[in-house]
Amino acid sequence: MLTSVSLTHYLIVSGILFSLGIFGVVTRRNAILVLMGIELILNSANINFIAFSRYRGMNLDGQAVAIFVIILAAAEAAVALAIVLNIYQRFNTVNVDDISKMKE
């Protein structure tokens, strides 16, 4: 009973990851957990790029875009964590609601 993995399977997994990422971004108050939700969203986009590249002609365009997204996610994580550490040093919290007091 060997079943083959089709494009639909990849899209379902990607949709689940995207939904979990959106849920994490919307419901969490901790800045670190919001960043983890953003990473889940970027990973779901990577799955889509690779899956469409695999099932739509085997060209390397999807892989190249996925590598670019991985590089972008690494840079985003480094900059965002530096900002979060700076905010923690100043306010002693990483809650998004408490950080909004910076406007005042």
PDB file of N, CA and C in Angstrom:
ATOM      1  N   MET A   1       0.824  -1.190   0.000  1.00  0.00           N
ATOM      2  CA  MET A   1       0.000   0.000   0.000  1.00  0.00           C
ATOM      3  C   MET A   1       0.864   1.247   0.000  1.00  0.00           C
ATOM      4  N   LEU A   2       1.610   1.413  -1.005  1.00  0.00           N
ATOM      5  CA  LEU A   2       2.442   2.594  -1.134  1.00  0.00           C
ATOM      6  C   LEU A   2       1.642   3.674  -1.839  1.00  0.00           C
ATOM      7  N   THR A   3       1.420   4.770  -1.159  1.00  0.00           N
ATOM      8  CA  THR A   3       0.703   5.877  -1.776  1.00  0.00           C
ATOM      9  C   THR A   3       1.700   6.944  -2.189  1.00  0.00           C
ATOM     10  N   SER A   4       1.453   7.509  -3.323  1.00  0.00           N
ATOM     11  CA  SER A   4       2.353   8.555  -3.796  1.00  0.00           C
ATOM     12  C   SER A   4       1.914   9.902  -3.224  1.00  0.00           C
ATOM     13  N   VAL A   5       2.890  10.730  -2.993  1.00  0.00           N
ATOM     14  CA  VAL A   5       2.624  12.057  -2.462  1.00  0.00           C
ATOM     15  C   VAL A   5       2.399  12.993  -3.645  1.00  0.00           C
ATOM     16  N   SER A   6       1.260  13.645  -3.633  1.00  0.00           N
ATOM     17  CA  SER A   6       0.914  14.532  -4.738  1.00  0.00           C
ATOM     18  C   SER A   6       1.047  15.988  -4.309  1.00  0.00           C
ATOM     19  N   LEU A   7       0.805  16.862  -5.245  1.00  0.00           N
ATOM     20  CA  LEU A   7       0.865  18.296  -4.979  1.00  0.00           C
ATOM     21  C   LEU A   7      -0.151  18.699  -3.919  1.00  0.00           C
ATOM     22  N   THR A   8      -1.282  18.047  -3.914  1.00  0.00           N
ATOM     23  CA  THR A   8      -2.326  18.355  -2.936  1.00  0.00           C
ATOM     24  C   THR A   8      -1.840  18.130  -1.510  1.00  0.00           C
ATOM     25  N   HIS A   9      -1.084  17.087  -1.284  1.00  0.00           N
ATOM     26  CA  HIS A   9      -0.561  16.818   0.053  1.00  0.00           C
ATOM     27  C   HIS A   9       0.354  17.955   0.522  1.00  0.00           C
ATOM     28  N   TYR A  10       1.218  18.415  -0.357  1.00  0.00           N
ATOM     29  CA  TYR A  10       2.098  19.516   0.005  1.00  0.00           C
ATOM     30  C   TYR A  10       1.308  20.787   0.294  1.00  0.00           C
ATOM     31  N   LEU A  11       0.288  21.041  -0.497  1.00  0.00           N
ATOM     32  CA  LEU A  11      -0.518  22.241  -0.289  1.00  0.00           C
ATOM     33  C   LEU A  11      -1.306  22.173   1.012  1.00  0.00           C
ATOM     34  N   ILE A  12      -1.760  20.987   1.386  1.00  0.00           N
ATOM     35  CA  ILE A  12      -2.467  20.832   2.658  1.00  0.00           C
ATOM     36  C   ILE A  12      -1.524  21.105   3.830  1.00  0.00           C
ATOM     37  N   VAL A  13      -0.332  20.529   3.781  1.00  0.00           N
ATOM     38  CA  VAL A  13       0.644  20.767   4.850  1.00  0.00           C
ATOM     39  C   VAL A  13       1.012  22.251   4.904  1.00  0.00           C
ATOM     40  N   SER A  14       1.195  22.860   3.750  1.00  0.00           N
ATOM     41  CA  SER A  14       1.522  24.274   3.704  1.00  0.00           C
ATOM     42  C   SER A  14       0.385  25.126   4.263  1.00  0.00           C
ATOM     43  N   GLY A  15      -0.829  24.779   3.941  1.00  0.00           N
ATOM     44  CA  GLY A  15      -1.979  25.510   4.468  1.00  0.00           C
ATOM     45  C   GLY A  15      -2.098  25.395   5.979  1.00  0.00           C
ATOM     46  N   ILE A  16      -1.815  24.207   6.506  1.00  0.00           N
ATOM     47  CA  ILE A  16      -1.847  24.013   7.959  1.00  0.00           C
ATOM     48  C   ILE A  16      -0.762  24.857   8.627  1.00  0.00           C
ATOM     49  N   LEU A  17       0.449  24.836   8.071  1.00  0.00           N
ATOM     50  CA  LEU A  17       1.531  25.662   8.625  1.00  0.00           C
ATOM     51  C   LEU A  17       1.200  27.150   8.565  1.00  0.00           C
ATOM     52  N   PHE A  18       0.626  27.579   7.449  1.00  0.00           N
ATOM     53  CA  PHE A  18       0.254  28.985   7.305  1.00  0.00           C
ATOM     54  C   PHE A  18      -0.799  29.374   8.331  1.00  0.00           C
ATOM     55  N   SER A  19      -1.788  28.507   8.525  1.00  0.00           N
ATOM     56  CA  SER A  19      -2.844  28.785   9.498  1.00  0.00           C
ATOM     57  C   SER A  19      -2.287  28.857  10.918  1.00  0.00           C
ATOM     58  N   LEU A  20      -1.385  27.939  11.256  1.00  0.00           N
ATOM     59  CA  LEU A  20      -0.757  27.982  12.577  1.00  0.00           C
ATOM     60  C   LEU A  20       0.076  29.244  12.759  1.00  0.00           C
ATOM     61  N   GLY A  21       0.757  29.664  11.704  1.00  0.00           N
ATOM     62  CA  GLY A  21       1.545  30.894  11.776  1.00  0.00           C
ATOM     63  C   GLY A  21       0.678  32.123  11.975  1.00  0.00           C
ATOM     64  N   ILE A  22      -0.411  32.219  11.230  1.00  0.00           N
ATOM     65  CA  ILE A  22      -1.335  33.346  11.393  1.00  0.00           C
ATOM     66  C   ILE A  22      -1.939  33.339  12.791  1.00  0.00           C
ATOM     67  N   PHE A  23      -2.312  32.154  13.273  1.00  0.00           N
ATOM     68  CA  PHE A  23      -2.856  32.032  14.626  1.00  0.00           C
ATOM     69  C   PHE A  23      -1.833  32.505  15.657  1.00  0.00           C
ATOM     70  N   GLY A  24      -0.577  32.138  15.480  1.00  0.00           N
ATOM     71  CA  GLY A  24       0.473  32.553  16.405  1.00  0.00           C
ATOM     72  C   GLY A  24       0.709  34.047  16.381  1.00  0.00           C
ATOM     73  N   VAL A  25       0.646  34.658  15.214  1.00  0.00           N
ATOM     74  CA  VAL A  25       0.873  36.099  15.103  1.00  0.00           C
ATOM     75  C   VAL A  25      -0.283  36.880  15.718  1.00  0.00           C
ATOM     76  N   VAL A  26      -1.503  36.412  15.480  1.00  0.00           N
ATOM     77  CA  VAL A  26      -2.677  37.162  15.926  1.00  0.00           C
ATOM     78  C   VAL A  26      -2.929  37.013  17.420  1.00  0.00           C
ATOM     79  N   THR A  27      -2.720  35.828  17.968  1.00  0.00           N
ATOM     80  CA  THR A  27      -3.136  35.575  19.346  1.00  0.00           C
ATOM     81  C   THR A  27      -2.049  35.770  20.380  1.00  0.00           C
ATOM     82  N   ARG A  28      -0.810  35.760  20.028  1.00  0.00           N
ATOM     83  CA  ARG A  28       0.264  35.831  21.012  1.00  0.00           C
ATOM     84  C   ARG A  28       0.590  37.267  21.374  1.00  0.00           C
ATOM     85  N   ARG A  29       0.988  37.451  22.612  1.00  0.00           N
ATOM     86  CA  ARG A  29       1.404  38.774  23.080  1.00  0.00           C
ATOM     87  C   ARG A  29       2.905  38.855  23.265  1.00  0.00           C
ATOM     88  N   ASN A  30       3.578  37.726  23.234  1.00  0.00           N
ATOM     89  CA  ASN A  30       5.025  37.688  23.392  1.00  0.00           C
ATOM     90  C   ASN A  30       5.674  37.906  22.027  1.00  0.00           C
ATOM     91  N   ALA A  31       6.632  38.811  21.968  1.00  0.00           N
ATOM     92  CA  ALA A  31       7.260  39.157  20.686  1.00  0.00           C
ATOM     93  C   ALA A  31       8.008  37.973  20.089  1.00  0.00           C
ATOM     94  N   ILE A  32       8.609  37.136  20.927  1.00  0.00           N
ATOM     95  CA  ILE A  32       9.338  35.971  20.421  1.00  0.00           C
ATOM     96  C   ILE A  32       8.378  35.002  19.743  1.00  0.00           C
ATOM     97  N   LEU A  33       7.214  34.781  20.339  1.00  0.00           N
ATOM     98  CA  LEU A  33       6.236  33.864  19.750  1.00  0.00           C
ATOM     99  C   LEU A  33       5.633  34.434  18.472  1.00  0.00           C
ATOM    100  N   VAL A  34       5.510  35.754  18.394  1.00  0.00           N
ATOM    101  CA  VAL A  34       5.048  36.378  17.146  1.00  0.00           C
ATOM    102  C   VAL A  34       6.080  36.139  16.042  1.00  0.00           C
ATOM    103  N   LEU A  35       7.354  36.254  16.368  1.00  0.00           N
ATOM    104  CA  LEU A  35       8.410  35.989  15.384  1.00  0.00           C
ATOM    105  C   LEU A  35       8.395  34.527  14.938  1.00  0.00           C
ATOM    106  N   MET A  36       8.102  33.622  15.862  1.00  0.00           N
ATOM    107  CA  MET A  36       8.006  32.205  15.484  1.00  0.00           C
ATOM    108  C   MET A  36       6.827  31.978  14.534  1.00  0.00           C
ATOM    109  N   GLY A  37       5.728  32.699  14.741  1.00  0.00           N
ATOM    110  CA  GLY A  37       4.592  32.610  13.819  1.00  0.00           C
ATOM    111  C   GLY A  37       4.951  33.106  12.429  1.00  0.00           C
ATOM    112  N   ILE A  38       5.729  34.167  12.364  1.00  0.00           N
ATOM    113  CA  ILE A  38       6.180  34.684  11.068  1.00  0.00           C
ATOM    114  C   ILE A  38       7.075  33.666  10.369  1.00  0.00           C
ATOM    115  N   GLU A  39       7.917  32.994  11.132  1.00  0.00           N
ATOM    116  CA  GLU A  39       8.779  31.956  10.542  1.00  0.00           C
ATOM    117  C   GLU A  39       7.934  30.802   9.990  1.00  0.00           C
ATOM    118  N   LEU A  40       6.863  30.437  10.678  1.00  0.00           N
ATOM    119  CA  LEU A  40       5.985  29.386  10.154  1.00  0.00           C
ATOM    120  C   LEU A  40       5.342  29.807   8.837  1.00  0.00           C
ATOM    121  N   ILE A  41       4.954  31.064   8.745  1.00  0.00           N
ATOM    122  CA  ILE A  41       4.359  31.573   7.503  1.00  0.00           C
ATOM    123  C   ILE A  41       5.378  31.518   6.364  1.00  0.00           C
ATOM    124  N   LEU A  42       6.608  31.912   6.645  1.00  0.00           N
ATOM    125  CA  LEU A  42       7.645  31.861   5.602  1.00  0.00           C
ATOM    126  C   LEU A  42       7.955  30.417   5.197  1.00  0.00           C
ATOM    127  N   ASN A  43       7.943  29.486   6.153  1.00  0.00           N
ATOM    128  CA  ASN A  43       8.181  28.084   5.819  1.00  0.00           C
ATOM    129  C   ASN A  43       7.055  27.501   4.982  1.00  0.00           C
ATOM    130  N   SER A  44       5.831  27.936   5.226  1.00  0.00           N
ATOM    131  CA  SER A  44       4.731  27.450   4.385  1.00  0.00           C
ATOM    132  C   SER A  44       4.884  27.964   2.958  1.00  0.00           C
ATOM    133  N   ALA A  45       5.368  29.188   2.813  1.00  0.00           N
ATOM    134  CA  ALA A  45       5.629  29.703   1.463  1.00  0.00           C
ATOM    135  C   ALA A  45       6.732  28.908   0.779  1.00  0.00           C
ATOM    136  N   ASN A  46       7.761  28.518   1.537  1.00  0.00           N
ATOM    137  CA  ASN A  46       8.833  27.695   0.971  1.00  0.00           C
ATOM    138  C   ASN A  46       8.317  26.351   0.490  1.00  0.00           C
ATOM    139  N   ILE A  47       7.444  25.736   1.254  1.00  0.00           N
ATOM    140  CA  ILE A  47       6.872  24.450   0.832  1.00  0.00           C
ATOM    141  C   ILE A  47       6.120  24.624  -0.476  1.00  0.00           C
ATOM    142  N   ASN A  48       5.372  25.711  -0.602  1.00  0.00           N
ATOM    143  CA  ASN A  48       4.652  25.962  -1.852  1.00  0.00           C
ATOM    144  C   ASN A  48       5.605  26.150  -3.021  1.00  0.00           C
ATOM    145  N   PHE A  49       6.658  26.939  -2.838  1.00  0.00           N
ATOM    146  CA  PHE A  49       7.622  27.161  -3.921  1.00  0.00           C
ATOM    147  C   PHE A  49       8.251  25.850  -4.382  1.00  0.00           C
ATOM    148  N   ILE A  50       8.686  25.039  -3.443  1.00  0.00           N
ATOM    149  CA  ILE A  50       9.337  23.778  -3.785  1.00  0.00           C
ATOM    150  C   ILE A  50       8.348  22.813  -4.429  1.00  0.00           C
ATOM    151  N   ALA A  51       7.142  22.731  -3.888  1.00  0.00           N
ATOM    152  CA  ALA A  51       6.148  21.803  -4.435  1.00  0.00           C
ATOM    153  C   ALA A  51       5.761  22.185  -5.861  1.00  0.00           C
ATOM    154  N   PHE A  52       5.511  23.465  -6.097  1.00  0.00           N
ATOM    155  CA  PHE A  52       5.148  23.878  -7.450  1.00  0.00           C
ATOM    156  C   PHE A  52       6.315  23.717  -8.414  1.00  0.00           C
ATOM    157  N   SER A  53       7.518  23.916  -7.931  1.00  0.00           N
ATOM    158  CA  SER A  53       8.681  23.694  -8.775  1.00  0.00           C
ATOM    159  C   SER A  53       8.817  22.214  -9.136  1.00  0.00           C
ATOM    160  N   ARG A  54       8.532  21.360  -8.185  1.00  0.00           N
ATOM    161  CA  ARG A  54       8.653  19.905  -8.404  1.00  0.00           C
ATOM    162  C   ARG A  54       7.579  19.384  -9.354  1.00  0.00           C
ATOM    163  N   TYR A  55       6.362  19.840  -9.174  1.00  0.00           N
ATOM    164  CA  TYR A  55       5.259  19.285  -9.945  1.00  0.00           C
ATOM    165  C   TYR A  55       4.901  20.092 -11.185  1.00  0.00           C
ATOM    166  N   ARG A  56       5.598  21.167 -11.443  1.00  0.00           N
ATOM    167  CA  ARG A  56       5.305  21.962 -12.640  1.00  0.00           C
ATOM    168  C   ARG A  56       6.513  22.123 -13.542  1.00  0.00           C
ATOM    169  N   GLY A  57       7.295  21.070 -13.741  1.00  0.00           N
ATOM    170  CA  GLY A  57       8.323  21.129 -14.758  1.00  0.00           C
ATOM    171  C   GLY A  57       9.753  20.923 -14.305  1.00  0.00           C
ATOM    172  N   MET A  58      10.007  20.756 -13.020  1.00  0.00           N
ATOM    173  CA  MET A  58      11.343  20.451 -12.500  1.00  0.00           C
ATOM    174  C   MET A  58      12.386  21.521 -12.837  1.00  0.00           C
ATOM    175  N   ASN A  59      11.991  22.754 -12.999  1.00  0.00           N
ATOM    176  CA  ASN A  59      12.991  23.796 -13.163  1.00  0.00           C
ATOM    177  C   ASN A  59      13.437  24.282 -11.781  1.00  0.00           C
ATOM    178  N   LEU A  60      14.489  25.034 -11.730  1.00  0.00           N
ATOM    179  CA  LEU A  60      15.078  25.425 -10.461  1.00  0.00           C
ATOM    180  C   LEU A  60      14.593  26.780  -9.951  1.00  0.00           C
ATOM    181  N   ASP A  61      13.574  27.348 -10.575  1.00  0.00           N
ATOM    182  CA  ASP A  61      13.084  28.648 -10.134  1.00  0.00           C
ATOM    183  C   ASP A  61      12.519  28.588  -8.719  1.00  0.00           C
ATOM    184  N   GLY A  62      11.752  27.562  -8.410  1.00  0.00           N
ATOM    185  CA  GLY A  62      11.175  27.425  -7.071  1.00  0.00           C
ATOM    186  C   GLY A  62      12.229  27.244  -6.005  1.00  0.00           C
ATOM    187  N   GLN A  63      13.249  26.450  -6.302  1.00  0.00           N
ATOM    188  CA  GLN A  63      14.334  26.260  -5.335  1.00  0.00           C
ATOM    189  C   GLN A  63      15.112  27.553  -5.108  1.00  0.00           C
ATOM    190  N   ALA A  64      15.327  28.305  -6.166  1.00  0.00           N
ATOM    191  CA  ALA A  64      16.059  29.569  -6.027  1.00  0.00           C
ATOM    192  C   ALA A  64      15.284  30.559  -5.174  1.00  0.00           C
ATOM    193  N   VAL A  65      13.986  30.646  -5.388  1.00  0.00           N
ATOM    194  CA  VAL A  65      13.164  31.542  -4.577  1.00  0.00           C
ATOM    195  C   VAL A  65      13.121  31.063  -3.131  1.00  0.00           C
ATOM    196  N   ALA A  66      13.053  29.748  -2.923  1.00  0.00           N
ATOM    197  CA  ALA A  66      13.032  29.208  -1.563  1.00  0.00           C
ATOM    198  C   ALA A  66      14.332  29.523  -0.828  1.00  0.00           C
ATOM    199  N   ILE A  67      15.463  29.429  -1.503  1.00  0.00           N
ATOM    200  CA  ILE A  67      16.743  29.793  -0.891  1.00  0.00           C
ATOM    201  C   ILE A  67      16.745  31.273  -0.522  1.00  0.00           C
ATOM    202  N   PHE A  68      16.209  32.104  -1.401  1.00  0.00           N
ATOM    203  CA  PHE A  68      16.123  33.533  -1.108  1.00  0.00           C
ATOM    204  C   PHE A  68      15.245  33.786   0.110  1.00  0.00           C
ATOM    205  N   VAL A  69      14.125  33.078   0.229  1.00  0.00           N
ATOM    206  CA  VAL A  69      13.231  33.236   1.389  1.00  0.00           C
ATOM    207  C   VAL A  69      13.925  32.771   2.663  1.00  0.00           C
ATOM    208  N   ILE A  70      14.711  31.706   2.595  1.00  0.00           N
ATOM    209  CA  ILE A  70      15.446  31.229   3.771  1.00  0.00           C
ATOM    210  C   ILE A  70      16.469  32.281   4.213  1.00  0.00           C
ATOM    211  N   ILE A  71      17.171  32.887   3.267  1.00  0.00           N
ATOM    212  CA  ILE A  71      18.132  33.940   3.595  1.00  0.00           C
ATOM    213  C   ILE A  71      17.418  35.142   4.198  1.00  0.00           C
ATOM    214  N   LEU A  72      16.283  35.507   3.627  1.00  0.00           N
ATOM    215  CA  LEU A  72      15.487  36.613   4.144  1.00  0.00           C
ATOM    216  C   LEU A  72      14.994  36.320   5.558  1.00  0.00           C
ATOM    217  N   ALA A  73      14.564  35.089   5.820  1.00  0.00           N
ATOM    218  CA  ALA A  73      14.083  34.710   7.152  1.00  0.00           C
ATOM    219  C   ALA A  73      15.207  34.749   8.173  1.00  0.00           C
ATOM    220  N   ALA A  74      16.404  34.341   7.779  1.00  0.00           N
ATOM    221  CA  ALA A  74      17.537  34.386   8.705  1.00  0.00           C
ATOM    222  C   ALA A  74      17.899  35.829   9.042  1.00  0.00           C
ATOM    223  N   ALA A  75      17.906  36.698   8.056  1.00  0.00           N
ATOM    224  CA  ALA A  75      18.198  38.108   8.312  1.00  0.00           C
ATOM    225  C   ALA A  75      17.110  38.739   9.170  1.00  0.00           C
ATOM    226  N   GLU A  76      15.871  38.404   8.886  1.00  0.00           N
ATOM    227  CA  GLU A  76      14.749  38.928   9.681  1.00  0.00           C
ATOM    228  C   GLU A  76      14.843  38.469  11.119  1.00  0.00           C
ATOM    229  N   ALA A  77      15.196  37.221  11.339  1.00  0.00           N
ATOM    230  CA  ALA A  77      15.303  36.697  12.699  1.00  0.00           C
ATOM    231  C   ALA A  77      16.424  37.387  13.459  1.00  0.00           C
ATOM    232  N   ALA A  78      17.543  37.610  12.819  1.00  0.00           N
ATOM    233  CA  ALA A  78      18.673  38.267  13.488  1.00  0.00           C
ATOM    234  C   ALA A  78      18.334  39.704  13.875  1.00  0.00           C
ATOM    235  N   VAL A  79      17.753  40.446  12.947  1.00  0.00           N
ATOM    236  CA  VAL A  79      17.403  41.842  13.230  1.00  0.00           C
ATOM    237  C   VAL A  79      16.289  41.917  14.273  1.00  0.00           C
ATOM    238  N   ALA A  80      15.281  41.080  14.135  1.00  0.00           N
ATOM    239  CA  ALA A  80      14.160  41.111  15.077  1.00  0.00           C
ATOM    240  C   ALA A  80      14.593  40.716  16.483  1.00  0.00           C
ATOM    241  N   LEU A  81      15.452  39.718  16.605  1.00  0.00           N
ATOM    242  CA  LEU A  81      15.926  39.333  17.934  1.00  0.00           C
ATOM    243  C   LEU A  81      16.787  40.423  18.554  1.00  0.00           C
ATOM    244  N   ALA A  82      17.556  41.127  17.756  1.00  0.00           N
ATOM    245  CA  ALA A  82      18.320  42.252  18.282  1.00  0.00           C
ATOM    246  C   ALA A  82      17.387  43.351  18.796  1.00  0.00           C
ATOM    247  N   ILE A  83      16.332  43.619  18.069  1.00  0.00           N
ATOM    248  CA  ILE A  83      15.352  44.621  18.509  1.00  0.00           C
ATOM    249  C   ILE A  83      14.664  44.162  19.783  1.00  0.00           C
ATOM    250  N   VAL A  84      14.287  42.895  19.859  1.00  0.00           N
ATOM    251  CA  VAL A  84      13.615  42.372  21.049  1.00  0.00           C
ATOM    252  C   VAL A  84      14.540  42.439  22.260  1.00  0.00           C
ATOM    253  N   LEU A  85      15.801  42.107  22.096  1.00  0.00           N
ATOM    254  CA  LEU A  85      16.744  42.202  23.210  1.00  0.00           C
ATOM    255  C   LEU A  85      16.918  43.643  23.675  1.00  0.00           C
ATOM    256  N   ASN A  86      16.958  44.560  22.741  1.00  0.00           N
ATOM    257  CA  ASN A  86      17.061  45.979  23.101  1.00  0.00           C
ATOM    258  C   ASN A  86      15.815  46.436  23.854  1.00  0.00           C
ATOM    259  N   ILE A  87      14.655  46.022  23.416  1.00  0.00           N
ATOM    260  CA  ILE A  87      13.406  46.380  24.092  1.00  0.00           C
ATOM    261  C   ILE A  87      13.363  45.760  25.483  1.00  0.00           C
ATOM    262  N   TYR A  88      13.840  44.533  25.609  1.00  0.00           N
ATOM    263  CA  TYR A  88      13.841  43.885  26.924  1.00  0.00           C
ATOM    264  C   TYR A  88      14.771  44.608  27.894  1.00  0.00           C
ATOM    265  N   GLN A  89      15.916  45.052  27.410  1.00  0.00           N
ATOM    266  CA  GLN A  89      16.825  45.797  28.278  1.00  0.00           C
ATOM    267  C   GLN A  89      16.205  47.101  28.755  1.00  0.00           C
ATOM    268  N   ARG A  90      15.414  47.721  27.889  1.00  0.00           N
ATOM    269  CA  ARG A  90      14.843  49.020  28.244  1.00  0.00           C
ATOM    270  C   ARG A  90      13.581  48.907  29.086  1.00  0.00           C
ATOM    271  N   PHE A  91      12.685  47.953  28.768  1.00  0.00           N
ATOM    272  CA  PHE A  91      11.385  47.874  29.429  1.00  0.00           C
ATOM    273  C   PHE A  91      11.217  46.654  30.331  1.00  0.00           C
ATOM    274  N   ASN A  92      12.172  45.738  30.326  1.00  0.00           N
ATOM    275  CA  ASN A  92      12.105  44.491  31.099  1.00  0.00           C
ATOM    276  C   ASN A  92      10.882  43.641  30.759  1.00  0.00           C
ATOM    277  N   THR A  93      10.429  43.683  29.539  1.00  0.00           N
ATOM    278  CA  THR A  93       9.334  42.847  29.074  1.00  0.00           C
ATOM    279  C   THR A  93       9.442  42.684  27.562  1.00  0.00           C
ATOM    280  N   VAL A  94       8.867  41.594  27.062  1.00  0.00           N
ATOM    281  CA  VAL A  94       8.790  41.399  25.616  1.00  0.00           C
ATOM    282  C   VAL A  94       7.342  41.256  25.160  1.00  0.00           C
ATOM    283  N   ASN A  95       6.402  41.642  26.032  1.00  0.00           N
ATOM    284  CA  ASN A  95       4.996  41.609  25.653  1.00  0.00           C
ATOM    285  C   ASN A  95       4.692  42.736  24.674  1.00  0.00           C
ATOM    286  N   VAL A  96       3.982  42.396  23.631  1.00  0.00           N
ATOM    287  CA  VAL A  96       3.699  43.357  22.568  1.00  0.00           C
ATOM    288  C   VAL A  96       2.822  44.489  23.083  1.00  0.00           C
ATOM    289  N   ASP A  97       1.885  44.208  23.995  1.00  0.00           N
ATOM    290  CA  ASP A  97       1.013  45.250  24.524  1.00  0.00           C
ATOM    291  C   ASP A  97       1.787  46.273  25.340  1.00  0.00           C
ATOM    292  N   ASP A  98       2.747  45.821  26.123  1.00  0.00           N
ATOM    293  CA  ASP A  98       3.535  46.739  26.936  1.00  0.00           C
ATOM    294  C   ASP A  98       4.493  47.563  26.088  1.00  0.00           C
ATOM    295  N   ILE A  99       4.938  46.991  24.995  1.00  0.00           N
ATOM    296  CA  ILE A  99       5.866  47.699  24.109  1.00  0.00           C
ATOM    297  C   ILE A  99       5.145  48.841  23.393  1.00  0.00           C
ATOM    298  N   SER A 100       3.843  48.739  23.215  1.00  0.00           N
ATOM    299  CA  SER A 100       3.098  49.800  22.517  1.00  0.00           C
ATOM    300  C   SER A 100       3.111  51.100  23.312  1.00  0.00           C
ATOM    301  N   LYS A 101       3.530  51.077  24.577  1.00  0.00           N
ATOM    302  CA  LYS A 101       3.646  52.294  25.376  1.00  0.00           C
ATOM    303  C   LYS A 101       4.789  53.168  24.895  1.00  0.00           C
ATOM    304  N   MET A 102       5.631  52.657  24.012  1.00  0.00           N
ATOM    305  CA  MET A 102       6.756  53.434  23.507  1.00  0.00           C
ATOM    306  C   MET A 102       6.288  54.657  22.742  1.00  0.00           C
ATOM    307  N   LYS A 103       5.074  54.628  22.201  1.00  0.00           N
ATOM    308  CA  LYS A 103       4.562  55.762  21.440  1.00  0.00           C
ATOM    309  C   LYS A 103       4.314  56.968  22.324  1.00  0.00           C
ATOM    310  N   GLU A 104       4.075  56.731  23.600  1.00  0.00           N
ATOM    311  CA  GLU A 104       3.698  57.824  24.518  1.00  0.00           C
ATOM    312  C   GLU A 104       4.888  58.525  25.087  1.00  0.00           C
TER     313      GLU A 104
END
